[in-house]
PDB file of N, CA and C in Angstrom:
ATOM      1  N   MET A   1      60.221 -49.337  -3.418  1.00  0.00           N
ATOM      2  CA  MET A   1      61.114 -50.186  -3.923  1.00  0.00           C
ATOM      3  C   MET A   1      62.411 -49.592  -4.193  1.00  0.00           C
ATOM      4  N   LEU A   2      63.468 -50.329  -4.384  1.00  0.00           N
ATOM      5  CA  LEU A   2      64.815 -49.658  -4.315  1.00  0.00           C
ATOM      6  C   LEU A   2      64.950 -49.052  -5.666  1.00  0.00           C
ATOM      7  N   ARG A   3      64.521 -49.313  -6.632  1.00  0.00           N
ATOM      8  CA  ARG A   3      64.371 -48.645  -8.025  1.00  0.00           C
ATOM      9  C   ARG A   3      63.918 -47.192  -7.790  1.00  0.00           C
ATOM     10  N   ASP A   4      62.954 -47.110  -7.083  1.00  0.00           N
ATOM     11  CA  ASP A   4      62.293 -45.744  -6.890  1.00  0.00           C
ATOM     12  C   ASP A   4      63.100 -44.946  -6.009  1.00  0.00           C
ATOM     13  N   ALA A   5      63.768 -45.567  -4.990  1.00  0.00           N
ATOM     14  CA  ALA A   5      64.386 -44.787  -3.995  1.00  0.00           C
ATOM     15  C   ALA A   5      65.762 -44.346  -4.573  1.00  0.00           C
ATOM     16  N   LEU A   6      66.374 -44.974  -5.549  1.00  0.00           N
ATOM     17  CA  LEU A   6      67.683 -44.564  -6.224  1.00  0.00           C
ATOM     18  C   LEU A   6      67.499 -44.506  -7.688  1.00  0.00           C
ATOM     19  N   PRO A   7      66.864 -43.545  -8.172  1.00  0.00           N
ATOM     20  CA  PRO A   7      66.568 -43.543  -9.661  1.00  0.00           C
ATOM     21  C   PRO A   7      67.790 -43.477 -10.507  1.00  0.00           C
ATOM     22  N   CYS A   8      68.866 -42.665  -9.880  1.00  0.00           N
ATOM     23  CA  CYS A   8      70.024 -42.463 -10.651  1.00  0.00           C
ATOM     24  C   CYS A   8      70.959 -43.718 -10.670  1.00  0.00           C
ATOM     25  N   TYR A   9      70.754 -44.639  -9.940  1.00  0.00           N
ATOM     26  CA  TYR A   9      71.570 -46.046  -9.891  1.00  0.00           C
ATOM     27  C   TYR A   9      70.698 -46.977 -10.475  1.00  0.00           C
ATOM     28  N   ALA A  10      69.624 -46.891 -10.651  1.00  0.00           N
ATOM     29  CA  ALA A  10      68.713 -48.006 -11.239  1.00  0.00           C
ATOM     30  C   ALA A  10      69.109 -48.749 -12.443  1.00  0.00           C
ATOM     31  N   ASP A  11      69.476 -47.875 -13.480  1.00  0.00           N
ATOM     32  CA  ASP A  11      69.743 -48.421 -14.806  1.00  0.00           C
ATOM     33  C   ASP A  11      71.244 -48.011 -15.205  1.00  0.00           C
ATOM     34  N   SER A  12      72.182 -47.768 -14.238  1.00  0.00           N
ATOM     35  CA  SER A  12      73.374 -47.247 -14.625  1.00  0.00           C
ATOM     36  C   SER A  12      74.430 -48.338 -14.943  1.00  0.00           C
ATOM     37  N   MET A  13      74.301 -49.500 -14.567  1.00  0.00           N
ATOM     38  CA  MET A  13      75.335 -50.486 -14.757  1.00  0.00           C
ATOM     39  C   MET A  13      74.771 -51.623 -15.670  1.00  0.00           C
ATOM     40  N   ASP A  14      75.178 -51.624 -16.835  1.00  0.00           N
ATOM     41  CA  ASP A  14      74.530 -52.585 -17.903  1.00  0.00           C
ATOM     42  C   ASP A  14      75.463 -53.853 -17.609  1.00  0.00           C
ATOM     43  N   PRO A  15      75.110 -54.930 -18.169  1.00  0.00           N
ATOM     44  CA  PRO A  15      75.653 -56.310 -17.888  1.00  0.00           C
ATOM     45  C   PRO A  15      77.175 -56.206 -18.537  1.00  0.00           C
ATOM     46  N   VAL A  16      77.403 -55.512 -19.636  1.00  0.00           N
ATOM     47  CA  VAL A  16      78.830 -55.554 -20.141  1.00  0.00           C
ATOM     48  C   VAL A  16      79.690 -54.858 -19.138  1.00  0.00           C
ATOM     49  N   SER A  17      79.312 -53.610 -18.802  1.00  0.00           N
ATOM     50  CA  SER A  17      80.050 -52.892 -17.635  1.00  0.00           C
ATOM     51  C   SER A  17      80.377 -53.705 -16.453  1.00  0.00           C
ATOM     52  N   LEU A  18      79.305 -54.257 -15.891  1.00  0.00           N
ATOM     53  CA  LEU A  18      79.382 -55.036 -14.815  1.00  0.00           C
ATOM     54  C   LEU A  18      80.396 -56.208 -14.845  1.00  0.00           C
ATOM     55  N   GLY A  19      80.303 -56.893 -15.925  1.00  0.00           N
ATOM     56  CA  GLY A  19      81.209 -58.013 -16.352  1.00  0.00           C
ATOM     57  C   GLY A  19      82.665 -57.560 -16.506  1.00  0.00           C
ATOM     58  N   PHE A  20      82.930 -56.458 -17.198  1.00  0.00           N
ATOM     59  CA  PHE A  20      84.103 -55.835 -17.362  1.00  0.00           C
ATOM     60  C   PHE A  20      84.837 -55.424 -16.123  1.00  0.00           C
ATOM     61  N   TYR A  21      84.272 -54.639 -15.316  1.00  0.00           N
ATOM     62  CA  TYR A  21      84.751 -54.267 -14.165  1.00  0.00           C
ATOM     63  C   TYR A  21      84.979 -55.354 -13.131  1.00  0.00           C
ATOM     64  N   ALA A  22      84.150 -56.316 -13.078  1.00  0.00           N
ATOM     65  CA  ALA A  22      84.421 -57.412 -12.233  1.00  0.00           C
ATOM     66  C   ALA A  22      85.555 -58.300 -12.664  1.00  0.00           C
ATOM     67  N   ILE A  23      85.930 -58.360 -13.951  1.00  0.00           N
ATOM     68  CA  ILE A  23      87.127 -59.020 -14.315  1.00  0.00           C
ATOM     69  C   ILE A  23      88.351 -58.161 -13.931  1.00  0.00           C
ATOM     70  N   VAL A  24      88.353 -56.878 -14.218  1.00  0.00           N
ATOM     71  CA  VAL A  24      89.394 -55.970 -13.802  1.00  0.00           C
ATOM     72  C   VAL A  24      89.767 -55.933 -12.422  1.00  0.00           C
ATOM     73  N   CYS A  25      88.509 -56.018 -11.663  1.00  0.00           N
ATOM     74  CA  CYS A  25      88.762 -55.836 -10.194  1.00  0.00           C
ATOM     75  C   CYS A  25      89.246 -57.099  -9.602  1.00  0.00           C
ATOM     76  N   GLY A  26      88.735 -58.202 -10.192  1.00  0.00           N
ATOM     77  CA  GLY A  26      89.233 -59.554  -9.751  1.00  0.00           C
ATOM     78  C   GLY A  26      90.627 -59.747 -10.032  1.00  0.00           C
ATOM     79  N   LEU A  27      91.073 -59.376 -11.256  1.00  0.00           N
ATOM     80  CA  LEU A  27      92.616 -59.533 -11.624  1.00  0.00           C
ATOM     81  C   LEU A  27      93.389 -58.669 -10.583  1.00  0.00           C
ATOM     82  N   LEU A  28      92.843 -57.494 -10.514  1.00  0.00           N
ATOM     83  CA  LEU A  28      93.845 -56.532  -9.610  1.00  0.00           C
ATOM     84  C   LEU A  28      93.765 -57.044  -8.346  1.00  0.00           C
ATOM     85  N   GLY A  29      92.621 -57.653  -7.811  1.00  0.00           N
ATOM     86  CA  GLY A  29      92.700 -58.145  -6.441  1.00  0.00           C
ATOM     87  C   GLY A  29      93.634 -59.340  -6.271  1.00  0.00           C
ATOM     88  N   ALA A  30      93.766 -60.057  -7.377  1.00  0.00           N
ATOM     89  CA  ALA A  30      94.599 -61.344  -7.269  1.00  0.00           C
ATOM     90  C   ALA A  30      96.040 -60.977  -7.135  1.00  0.00           C
ATOM     91  N   VAL A  31      96.449 -59.985  -7.855  1.00  0.00           N
ATOM     92  CA  VAL A  31      97.958 -59.550  -7.814  1.00  0.00           C
ATOM     93  C   VAL A  31      98.253 -58.424  -6.866  1.00  0.00           C
ATOM     94  N   ALA A  32      97.384 -57.841  -6.350  1.00  0.00           N
ATOM     95  CA  ALA A  32      97.601 -56.701  -5.352  1.00  0.00           C
ATOM     96  C   ALA A  32      98.362 -56.954  -4.166  1.00  0.00           C
ATOM     97  N   PRO A  33      98.184 -58.262  -3.575  1.00  0.00           N
ATOM     98  CA  PRO A  33      98.975 -58.684  -2.394  1.00  0.00           C
ATOM     99  C   PRO A  33     100.523 -58.716  -2.720  1.00  0.00           C
ATOM    100  N   ASN A  34     100.796 -58.777  -3.945  1.00  0.00           N
ATOM    101  CA  ASN A  34     102.178 -58.989  -4.287  1.00  0.00           C
ATOM    102  C   ASN A  34     102.883 -57.624  -4.385  1.00  0.00           C
ATOM    103  N   PHE A  35     102.083 -56.440  -4.285  1.00  0.00           N
ATOM    104  CA  PHE A  35     102.747 -54.980  -4.444  1.00  0.00           C
ATOM    105  C   PHE A  35     103.041 -54.698  -3.038  1.00  0.00           C
ATOM    106  N   PRO A  36     104.310 -53.986  -2.979  1.00  0.00           N
ATOM    107  CA  PRO A  36     104.957 -53.823  -1.614  1.00  0.00           C
ATOM    108  C   PRO A  36     104.121 -53.154  -0.409  1.00  0.00           C
ATOM    109  N   ARG A  37     103.642 -51.818  -0.653  1.00  0.00           N
ATOM    110  CA  ARG A  37     103.156 -51.191   0.339  1.00  0.00           C
ATOM    111  C   ARG A  37     101.773 -50.416  -0.113  1.00  0.00           C
ATOM    112  N   LEU A  38     101.025 -50.025   0.913  1.00  0.00           N
ATOM    113  CA  LEU A  38      99.692 -49.407   0.650  1.00  0.00           C
ATOM    114  C   LEU A  38      99.728 -48.290  -0.442  1.00  0.00           C
ATOM    115  N   PRO A  39     100.722 -47.343  -0.347  1.00  0.00           N
ATOM    116  CA  PRO A  39     100.652 -46.225  -1.341  1.00  0.00           C
ATOM    117  C   PRO A  39     100.936 -46.845  -2.836  1.00  0.00           C
ATOM    118  N   VAL A  40     101.692 -47.791  -2.952  1.00  0.00           N
ATOM    119  CA  VAL A  40     101.997 -48.395  -4.327  1.00  0.00           C
ATOM    120  C   VAL A  40     100.633 -49.156  -4.787  1.00  0.00           C
ATOM    121  N   ARG A  41     100.014 -49.810  -3.952  1.00  0.00           N
ATOM    122  CA  ARG A  41      98.772 -50.470  -4.157  1.00  0.00           C
ATOM    123  C   ARG A  41      97.734 -49.429  -4.539  1.00  0.00           C
ATOM    124  N   LEU A  42      97.579 -48.458  -3.952  1.00  0.00           N
ATOM    125  CA  LEU A  42      96.647 -47.239  -4.239  1.00  0.00           C
ATOM    126  C   LEU A  42      96.807 -46.641  -5.675  1.00  0.00           C
ATOM    127  N   GLY A  43      98.136 -46.533  -5.760  1.00  0.00           N
ATOM    128  CA  GLY A  43      98.420 -45.756  -7.001  1.00  0.00           C
ATOM    129  C   GLY A  43      98.294 -46.660  -8.254  1.00  0.00           C
ATOM    130  N   ILE A  44      98.681 -47.995  -8.125  1.00  0.00           N
ATOM    131  CA  ILE A  44      98.325 -48.945  -9.237  1.00  0.00           C
ATOM    132  C   ILE A  44      96.886 -49.094  -9.353  1.00  0.00           C
ATOM    133  N   GLY A  45      96.184 -49.284  -8.322  1.00  0.00           N
ATOM    134  CA  GLY A  45      94.664 -49.301  -8.308  1.00  0.00           C
ATOM    135  C   GLY A  45      93.963 -48.218  -9.072  1.00  0.00           C
ATOM    136  N   ALA A  46      94.447 -46.957  -8.818  1.00  0.00           N
ATOM    137  CA  ALA A  46      94.015 -45.752  -9.468  1.00  0.00           C
ATOM    138  C   ALA A  46      94.280 -45.804 -10.970  1.00  0.00           C
ATOM    139  N   LEU A  47      95.448 -46.175 -11.255  1.00  0.00           N
ATOM    140  CA  LEU A  47      95.965 -46.263 -12.772  1.00  0.00           C
ATOM    141  C   LEU A  47      95.111 -47.381 -13.383  1.00  0.00           C
ATOM    142  N   VAL A  48      94.872 -48.427 -12.903  1.00  0.00           N
ATOM    143  CA  VAL A  48      94.127 -49.576 -13.505  1.00  0.00           C
ATOM    144  C   VAL A  48      92.744 -48.907 -13.640  1.00  0.00           C
ATOM    145  N   GLY A  49      92.119 -48.291 -12.632  1.00  0.00           N
ATOM    146  CA  GLY A  49      90.692 -47.910 -12.688  1.00  0.00           C
ATOM    147  C   GLY A  49      90.589 -46.836 -13.869  1.00  0.00           C
ATOM    148  N   VAL A  50      91.537 -45.825 -13.928  1.00  0.00           N
ATOM    149  CA  VAL A  50      91.434 -44.768 -14.941  1.00  0.00           C
ATOM    150  C   VAL A  50      91.472 -45.492 -16.423  1.00  0.00           C
ATOM    151  N   THR A  51      92.460 -46.397 -16.502  1.00  0.00           N
ATOM    152  CA  THR A  51      92.676 -47.121 -17.663  1.00  0.00           C
ATOM    153  C   THR A  51      91.475 -47.951 -18.247  1.00  0.00           C
ATOM    154  N   ALA A  52      90.914 -48.607 -17.291  1.00  0.00           N
ATOM    155  CA  ALA A  52      89.659 -49.469 -17.405  1.00  0.00           C
ATOM    156  C   ALA A  52      88.601 -48.599 -17.880  1.00  0.00           C
ATOM    157  N   ALA A  53      88.287 -47.619 -17.089  1.00  0.00           N
ATOM    158  CA  ALA A  53      87.206 -46.452 -17.609  1.00  0.00           C
ATOM    159  C   ALA A  53      87.395 -45.906 -18.899  1.00  0.00           C
ATOM    160  N   SER A  54      88.646 -45.779 -19.385  1.00  0.00           N
ATOM    161  CA  SER A  54      89.019 -45.085 -20.630  1.00  0.00           C
ATOM    162  C   SER A  54      88.787 -46.186 -21.772  1.00  0.00           C
ATOM    163  N   VAL A  55      88.989 -47.438 -21.461  1.00  0.00           N
ATOM    164  CA  VAL A  55      89.024 -48.531 -22.589  1.00  0.00           C
ATOM    165  C   VAL A  55      87.581 -49.037 -22.728  1.00  0.00           C
ATOM    166  N   LEU A  56      86.751 -49.067 -21.606  1.00  0.00           N
ATOM    167  CA  LEU A  56      85.420 -49.601 -21.690  1.00  0.00           C
ATOM    168  C   LEU A  56      84.599 -49.151 -23.044  1.00  0.00           C
ATOM    169  N   PRO A  57      84.568 -47.720 -23.114  1.00  0.00           N
ATOM    170  CA  PRO A  57      83.754 -47.391 -24.351  1.00  0.00           C
ATOM    171  C   PRO A  57      84.223 -47.830 -25.622  1.00  0.00           C
ATOM    172  N   TRP A  58      85.604 -47.984 -25.775  1.00  0.00           N
ATOM    173  CA  TRP A  58      86.098 -48.524 -27.059  1.00  0.00           C
ATOM    174  C   TRP A  58      85.748 -49.982 -27.280  1.00  0.00           C
ATOM    175  N   ILE A  59      85.669 -50.800 -26.008  1.00  0.00           N
ATOM    176  CA  ILE A  59      85.239 -52.232 -26.148  1.00  0.00           C
ATOM    177  C   ILE A  59      83.918 -52.304 -26.556  1.00  0.00           C
ATOM    178  N   LYS A  60      82.950 -51.409 -25.981  1.00  0.00           N
ATOM    179  CA  LYS A  60      81.645 -51.448 -26.243  1.00  0.00           C
ATOM    180  C   LYS A  60      81.430 -51.158 -27.659  1.00  0.00           C
ATOM    181  N   GLY A  61      82.143 -50.064 -28.252  1.00  0.00           N
ATOM    182  CA  GLY A  61      82.122 -49.690 -29.589  1.00  0.00           C
ATOM    183  C   GLY A  61      82.479 -50.843 -30.470  1.00  0.00           C
ATOM    184  N   MET A  62      83.424 -51.727 -30.084  1.00  0.00           N
ATOM    185  CA  MET A  62      83.830 -52.820 -30.867  1.00  0.00           C
ATOM    186  C   MET A  62      82.914 -53.777 -30.877  1.00  0.00           C
ATOM    187  N   MET A  63      82.023 -53.966 -29.940  1.00  0.00           N
ATOM    188  CA  MET A  63      80.956 -54.869 -29.752  1.00  0.00           C
ATOM    189  C   MET A  63      79.763 -54.586 -30.641  1.00  0.00           C
ATOM    190  N   GLY A  64      79.652 -53.283 -30.967  1.00  0.00           N
ATOM    191  CA  GLY A  64      78.544 -52.874 -31.941  1.00  0.00           C
ATOM    192  C   GLY A  64      77.091 -52.866 -31.317  1.00  0.00           C
ATOM    193  N   GLY A  65      77.050 -53.115 -30.065  1.00  0.00           N
ATOM    194  CA  GLY A  65      75.789 -53.175 -29.380  1.00  0.00           C
ATOM    195  C   GLY A  65      75.248 -51.757 -28.919  1.00  0.00           C
ATOM    196  N   PRO A  66      74.105 -51.603 -28.414  1.00  0.00           N
ATOM    197  CA  PRO A  66      73.574 -50.413 -27.670  1.00  0.00           C
ATOM    198  C   PRO A  66      73.951 -50.148 -26.368  1.00  0.00           C
ATOM    199  N   TYR A  67      75.073 -50.670 -26.018  1.00  0.00           N
ATOM    200  CA  TYR A  67      75.466 -50.709 -24.568  1.00  0.00           C
ATOM    201  C   TYR A  67      75.801 -49.374 -24.162  1.00  0.00           C
TER     202      TYR A  67
END
């Protein structure tokens, strides 16, 4: 089974993380075509990714769950 083949990925994405990153990526994808050039889009994408990864633990803490 896939779970046995990839044990490090089997339980790594909980529903809160999945939903959070889906929203962040969806919003970024919606506005990215408006950015002028590829280097600008890559830079903004990296900044959004680092910000999202930094904010997610705080959001999970505010939710109070065992996420």
